[in-house]
C-alpha atoms as a PDB file:
ATOM      1  CA  MET A   1      54.857 -36.113 344.504  1.00  0.00           C
ATOM      2  CA  LYS A   2      53.072 -35.453 341.306  1.00  0.00           C
ATOM      3  CA  LYS A   3      49.804 -34.354 343.296  1.00  0.00           C
ATOM      4  CA  LEU A   4      51.724 -32.022 345.309  1.00  0.00           C
ATOM      5  CA  LEU A   5      53.256 -30.414 342.304  1.00  0.00           C
ATOM      6  CA  LEU A   6      49.953 -30.135 340.591  1.00  0.00           C
ATOM      7  CA  ALA A   7      48.512 -28.669 343.620  1.00  0.00           C
ATOM      8  CA  VAL A   8      51.214 -26.039 344.140  1.00  0.00           C
ATOM      9  CA  LEU A   9      51.823 -25.109 340.486  1.00  0.00           C
ATOM     10  CA  PRO A  10      48.814 -23.049 340.108  1.00  0.00           C
ATOM     11  CA  PHE A  11      49.647 -20.813 343.225  1.00  0.00           C
ATOM     12  CA  VAL A  12      53.217 -20.445 341.948  1.00  0.00           C
ATOM     13  CA  LEU A  13      52.119 -19.444 338.348  1.00  0.00           C
ATOM     14  CA  PHE A  14      49.358 -16.945 339.205  1.00  0.00           C
ATOM     15  CA  SER A  15      50.414 -15.416 342.313  1.00  0.00           C
ATOM     16  CA  THR A  16      52.319 -12.031 342.281  1.00  0.00           C
ATOM     17  CA  PRO A  17      56.092 -13.065 342.725  1.00  0.00           C
ATOM     18  CA  SER A  18      58.043 -11.284 345.452  1.00  0.00           C
ATOM     19  CA  PHE A  19      60.545 -10.159 342.843  1.00  0.00           C
ATOM     20  CA  ALA A  20      57.929  -8.520 340.851  1.00  0.00           C
ATOM     21  CA  TYR A  21      58.828  -5.113 339.438  1.00  0.00           C
ATOM     22  CA  THR A  22      57.005  -1.738 340.293  1.00  0.00           C
ATOM     23  CA  LYS A  23      53.795  -0.736 338.089  1.00  0.00           C
ATOM     24  CA  TYR A  24      54.645   1.554 335.402  1.00  0.00           C
ATOM     25  CA  THR A  25      54.020   5.167 336.324  1.00  0.00           C
ATOM     26  CA  VAL A  26      54.294   8.295 334.065  1.00  0.00           C
ATOM     27  CA  LEU A  27      54.590  11.887 334.926  1.00  0.00           C
ATOM     28  CA  ASN A  28      53.429  14.250 332.188  1.00  0.00           C
ATOM     29  CA  SER A  29      55.364  17.262 332.958  1.00  0.00           C
ATOM     30  CA  THR A  30      54.022  19.203 329.801  1.00  0.00           C
ATOM     31  CA  SER A  31      51.017  21.200 329.267  1.00  0.00           C
ATOM     32  CA  GLY A  32      49.831  18.712 326.683  1.00  0.00           C
ATOM     33  CA  THR A  33      47.723  15.618 326.774  1.00  0.00           C
ATOM     34  CA  VAL A  34      48.503  11.808 325.815  1.00  0.00           C
ATOM     35  CA  ASP A  35      45.626   9.641 324.730  1.00  0.00           C
ATOM     36  CA  TYR A  36      47.534   6.530 325.575  1.00  0.00           C
ATOM     37  CA  LEU A  37      50.959   4.948 326.042  1.00  0.00           C
ATOM     38  CA  ILE A  38      51.558   1.493 324.954  1.00  0.00           C
ATOM     39  CA  PHE A  39      54.131  -0.448 327.062  1.00  0.00           C
ATOM     40  CA  LYS A  40      55.674  -3.610 325.091  1.00  0.00           C
ATOM     41  CA  GLN A  41      57.268  -5.977 327.385  1.00  0.00           C
ATOM     42  CA  MET A  42      59.958  -8.870 326.325  1.00  0.00           C
ATOM     43  CA  SER A  43      58.410 -11.981 325.125  1.00  0.00           C
ATOM     44  CA  GLY A  44      57.153 -14.279 327.850  1.00  0.00           C
ATOM     45  CA  LEU A  45      54.524 -16.663 328.965  1.00  0.00           C
ATOM     46  CA  PHE A  46      52.683 -13.774 331.235  1.00  0.00           C
ATOM     47  CA  CYS A  47      54.397 -10.564 329.544  1.00  0.00           C
ATOM     48  CA  GLY A  48      51.849  -8.697 327.447  1.00  0.00           C
ATOM     49  CA  GLU A  49      51.206  -5.254 326.518  1.00  0.00           C
ATOM     50  CA  HIS A  50      50.220  -2.513 328.946  1.00  0.00           C
ATOM     51  CA  TYR A  51      48.438   0.550 328.481  1.00  0.00           C
ATOM     52  CA  ILE A  52      47.855   3.741 330.459  1.00  0.00           C
ATOM     53  CA  ASP A  53      45.319   6.117 329.150  1.00  0.00           C
ATOM     54  CA  ASN A  54      44.358   9.604 329.257  1.00  0.00           C
ATOM     55  CA  LEU A  55      47.352  11.444 330.489  1.00  0.00           C
ATOM     56  CA  THR A  56      46.339  14.966 331.350  1.00  0.00           C
ATOM     57  CA  PRO A  57      48.569  17.997 331.771  1.00  0.00           C
ATOM     58  CA  TRP A  58      50.820  18.045 334.800  1.00  0.00           C
ATOM     59  CA  SER A  59      49.713  14.405 335.976  1.00  0.00           C
ATOM     60  CA  LEU A  60      51.261  11.495 337.669  1.00  0.00           C
ATOM     61  CA  THR A  61      49.473   8.391 336.293  1.00  0.00           C
ATOM     62  CA  PRO A  62      50.122   4.799 337.450  1.00  0.00           C
ATOM     63  CA  ASP A  63      49.355   1.567 335.431  1.00  0.00           C
ATOM     64  CA  SER A  64      46.234  -0.172 336.863  1.00  0.00           C
ATOM     65  CA  ASP A  65      47.882  -3.703 336.459  1.00  0.00           C
ATOM     66  CA  GLY A  66      51.057  -5.026 337.781  1.00  0.00           C
ATOM     67  CA  ARG A  67      53.744  -6.012 335.544  1.00  0.00           C
ATOM     68  CA  GLY A  68      55.160  -9.002 337.249  1.00  0.00           C
ATOM     69  CA  ALA A  69      58.726 -10.023 336.256  1.00  0.00           C
ATOM     70  CA  CYS A  70      58.547  -8.686 332.706  1.00  0.00           C
ATOM     71  CA  LEU A  71      61.243  -6.386 331.297  1.00  0.00           C
ATOM     72  CA  LEU A  72      60.304  -3.413 329.258  1.00  0.00           C
ATOM     73  CA  LYS A  73      61.278  -3.314 325.772  1.00  0.00           C
ATOM     74  CA  SER A  74      59.575  -0.198 324.304  1.00  0.00           C
ATOM     75  CA  ILE A  75      56.997   2.646 325.052  1.00  0.00           C
ATOM     76  CA  GLN A  76      54.945   4.305 322.288  1.00  0.00           C
ATOM     77  CA  GLY A  77      52.443   7.066 322.404  1.00  0.00           C
ATOM     78  CA  ILE A  78      51.547  10.496 320.788  1.00  0.00           C
ATOM     79  CA  LEU A  79      51.913  13.836 322.691  1.00  0.00           C
ATOM     80  CA  HIS A  80      49.229  16.239 321.913  1.00  0.00           C
ATOM     81  CA  ILE A  81      50.504  19.904 322.530  1.00  0.00           C
ATOM     82  CA  ASP A  82      50.194  23.209 321.100  1.00  0.00           C
ATOM     83  CA  GLY A  83      48.081  21.946 318.028  1.00  0.00           C
ATOM     84  CA  GLU A  84      50.759  19.418 317.096  1.00  0.00           C
ATOM     85  CA  ASP A  85      50.981  15.847 317.687  1.00  0.00           C
ATOM     86  CA  ILE A  86      54.498  14.596 318.749  1.00  0.00           C
ATOM     87  CA  PRO A  87      55.524  10.939 318.583  1.00  0.00           C
ATOM     88  CA  LEU A  88      56.792   9.576 321.848  1.00  0.00           C
ATOM     89  CA  GLU A  89      59.108   6.609 321.897  1.00  0.00           C
ATOM     90  CA  TYR A  90      61.236   4.994 324.567  1.00  0.00           C
ATOM     91  CA  HIS A  91      63.386   1.837 323.408  1.00  0.00           C
ATOM     92  CA  SER A  92      65.394  -0.643 325.312  1.00  0.00           C
ATOM     93  CA  SER A  93      66.933  -4.058 324.962  1.00  0.00           C
ATOM     94  CA  GLY A  94      65.138  -4.927 328.373  1.00  0.00           C
ATOM     95  CA  THR A  95      64.863  -2.861 331.476  1.00  0.00           C
ATOM     96  CA  SER A  96      63.310  -2.953 334.721  1.00  0.00           C
ATOM     97  CA  TYR A  97      62.801   0.535 334.704  1.00  0.00           C
ATOM     98  CA  GLY A  98      59.159   1.469 335.742  1.00  0.00           C
ATOM     99  CA  GLN A  99      59.002   5.366 336.285  1.00  0.00           C
ATOM    100  CA  PHE A 100      58.937   7.675 333.351  1.00  0.00           C
ATOM    101  CA  VAL A 101      58.575  11.390 332.657  1.00  0.00           C
ATOM    102  CA  ILE A 102      57.225  13.062 329.638  1.00  0.00           C
ATOM    103  CA  VAL A 103      59.054  16.285 328.862  1.00  0.00           C
ATOM    104  CA  SER A 104      59.036  18.911 326.232  1.00  0.00           C
ATOM    105  CA  LYS A 105      60.568  22.199 325.252  1.00  0.00           C
ATOM    106  CA  ARG A 106      60.306  24.725 322.562  1.00  0.00           C
ATOM    107  CA  VAL A 107      63.244  25.706 320.197  1.00  0.00           C
ATOM    108  CA  ASP A 108      62.698  28.170 317.543  1.00  0.00           C
ATOM    109  CA  ASN A 109      59.039  28.021 317.772  1.00  0.00           C
ATOM    110  CA  LYS A 110      58.935  24.230 317.521  1.00  0.00           C
ATOM    111  CA  VAL A 111      58.109  21.979 320.051  1.00  0.00           C
ATOM    112  CA  THR A 112      60.059  18.748 320.892  1.00  0.00           C
ATOM    113  CA  ALA A 113      59.308  15.979 323.267  1.00  0.00           C
ATOM    114  CA  LYS A 114      60.547  12.586 324.600  1.00  0.00           C
ATOM    115  CA  ILE A 115      59.769  10.094 327.474  1.00  0.00           C
ATOM    116  CA  VAL A 116      62.572   9.334 329.680  1.00  0.00           C
ATOM    117  CA  SER A 117      63.064   7.199 332.841  1.00  0.00           C
ATOM    118  CA  ALA A 118      63.307   8.826 336.126  1.00  0.00           C
ATOM    119  CA  ASP A 119      62.853   8.209 339.623  1.00  0.00           C
ATOM    120  CA  ILE A 120      59.562  10.280 340.252  1.00  0.00           C
ATOM    121  CA  LEU A 121      58.121   8.602 343.242  1.00  0.00           C
ATOM    122  CA  GLY A 122      61.508   8.568 345.445  1.00  0.00           C
ATOM    123  CA  ASN A 123      60.242   5.656 347.407  1.00  0.00           C
ATOM    124  CA  TYR A 124      63.384   3.464 347.457  1.00  0.00           C
ATOM    125  CA  ASN A 125      62.582   1.576 350.482  1.00  0.00           C
ATOM    126  CA  ASN A 126      59.009   1.633 350.484  1.00  0.00           C
ATOM    127  CA  SER A 127      56.934  -1.383 348.901  1.00  0.00           C
ATOM    128  CA  ASP A 128      53.893   0.765 348.592  1.00  0.00           C
ATOM    129  CA  ASP A 129      54.084   1.788 344.743  1.00  0.00           C
ATOM    130  CA  THR A 130      51.343   4.230 344.993  1.00  0.00           C
ATOM    131  CA  PRO A 131      52.252   7.695 343.542  1.00  0.00           C
ATOM    132  CA  GLN A 132      52.454  10.485 346.255  1.00  0.00           C
ATOM    133  CA  TYR A 133      52.473  13.487 343.906  1.00  0.00           C
ATOM    134  CA  ASP A 134      50.034  16.262 344.788  1.00  0.00           C
ATOM    135  CA  GLY A 135      49.515  17.492 341.061  1.00  0.00           C
ATOM    136  CA  ASN A 136      51.187  20.781 341.568  1.00  0.00           C
ATOM    137  CA  PRO A 137      54.683  21.259 340.031  1.00  0.00           C
ATOM    138  CA  GLN A 138      57.005  23.264 342.012  1.00  0.00           C
ATOM    139  CA  TYR A 139      59.425  25.667 340.071  1.00  0.00           C
ATOM    140  CA  ASP A 140      62.087  28.167 341.187  1.00  0.00           C
ATOM    141  CA  ASP A 141      60.840  31.311 339.329  1.00  0.00           C
ATOM    142  CA  THR A 142      63.750  33.319 341.077  1.00  0.00           C
ATOM    143  CA  PRO A 143      66.826  31.299 340.290  1.00  0.00           C
ATOM    144  CA  GLN A 144      70.011  32.886 341.987  1.00  0.00           C
ATOM    145  CA  TYR A 145      73.075  33.750 339.963  1.00  0.00           C
ATOM    146  CA  ASP A 146      76.336  35.058 341.006  1.00  0.00           C
ATOM    147  CA  ASP A 147      77.024  38.254 338.920  1.00  0.00           C
ATOM    148  CA  ASN A 148      80.692  38.548 340.108  1.00  0.00           C
ATOM    149  CA  PRO A 149      82.166  35.215 340.058  1.00  0.00           C
ATOM    150  CA  GLN A 150      85.567  34.985 341.538  1.00  0.00           C
ATOM    151  CA  TYR A 151      88.120  32.776 339.630  1.00  0.00           C
ATOM    152  CA  ASP A 152      91.565  31.843 341.146  1.00  0.00           C
ATOM    153  CA  ASP A 153      94.063  32.112 338.480  1.00  0.00           C
ATOM    154  CA  THR A 154      97.006  30.850 340.450  1.00  0.00           C
ATOM    155  CA  PRO A 155      98.676  27.771 338.784  1.00  0.00           C
ATOM    156  CA  LYS A 156      98.205  24.624 340.770  1.00  0.00           C
ATOM    157  CA  TYR A 157     101.355  22.957 339.813  1.00  0.00           C
ATOM    158  CA  ASP A 158     105.019  23.244 341.010  1.00  0.00           C
ATOM    159  CA  ASP A 159     106.902  24.683 338.090  1.00  0.00           C
ATOM    160  CA  THR A 160     110.165  24.534 340.142  1.00  0.00           C
ATOM    161  CA  PRO A 161     112.754  22.292 338.194  1.00  0.00           C
ATOM    162  CA  SER A 162     113.723  18.997 340.196  1.00  0.00           C
ATOM    163  CA  VAL A 163     117.386  17.945 340.410  1.00  0.00           C
END
């Protein structure tokens, strides 16, 4: 029995488990660049740091390595945009999320940015975690507004006294 256990143990420890989480994937939806993101995972025997390097503007970048069954604790990086360096941080007590988006906005000539979890691949039933993003963000430059909205001011309750 011991020989069987010793023969099987390496396969169990070093093979990718069927319950492994998807690779980390990040969509940089900004005009800035990120030199690298550090993904810090929960402590564990095979749970170390992961890195995604060279995120270019409007790019979808997957981690080159699988993460196994490791939960994510934090992400750190710096977004370089419009001559500014903006820290990016994501913190969790331990999440299985693996898809993230870097977003930014300008308010009063100050750029702010953050990294948030999001379903960017949309492959709920697809075990292939290869990104399918074509690199061309789609925007609706002509949003539709109703200039004359109609409101119903009629009360929605019965104000007749009951007996």
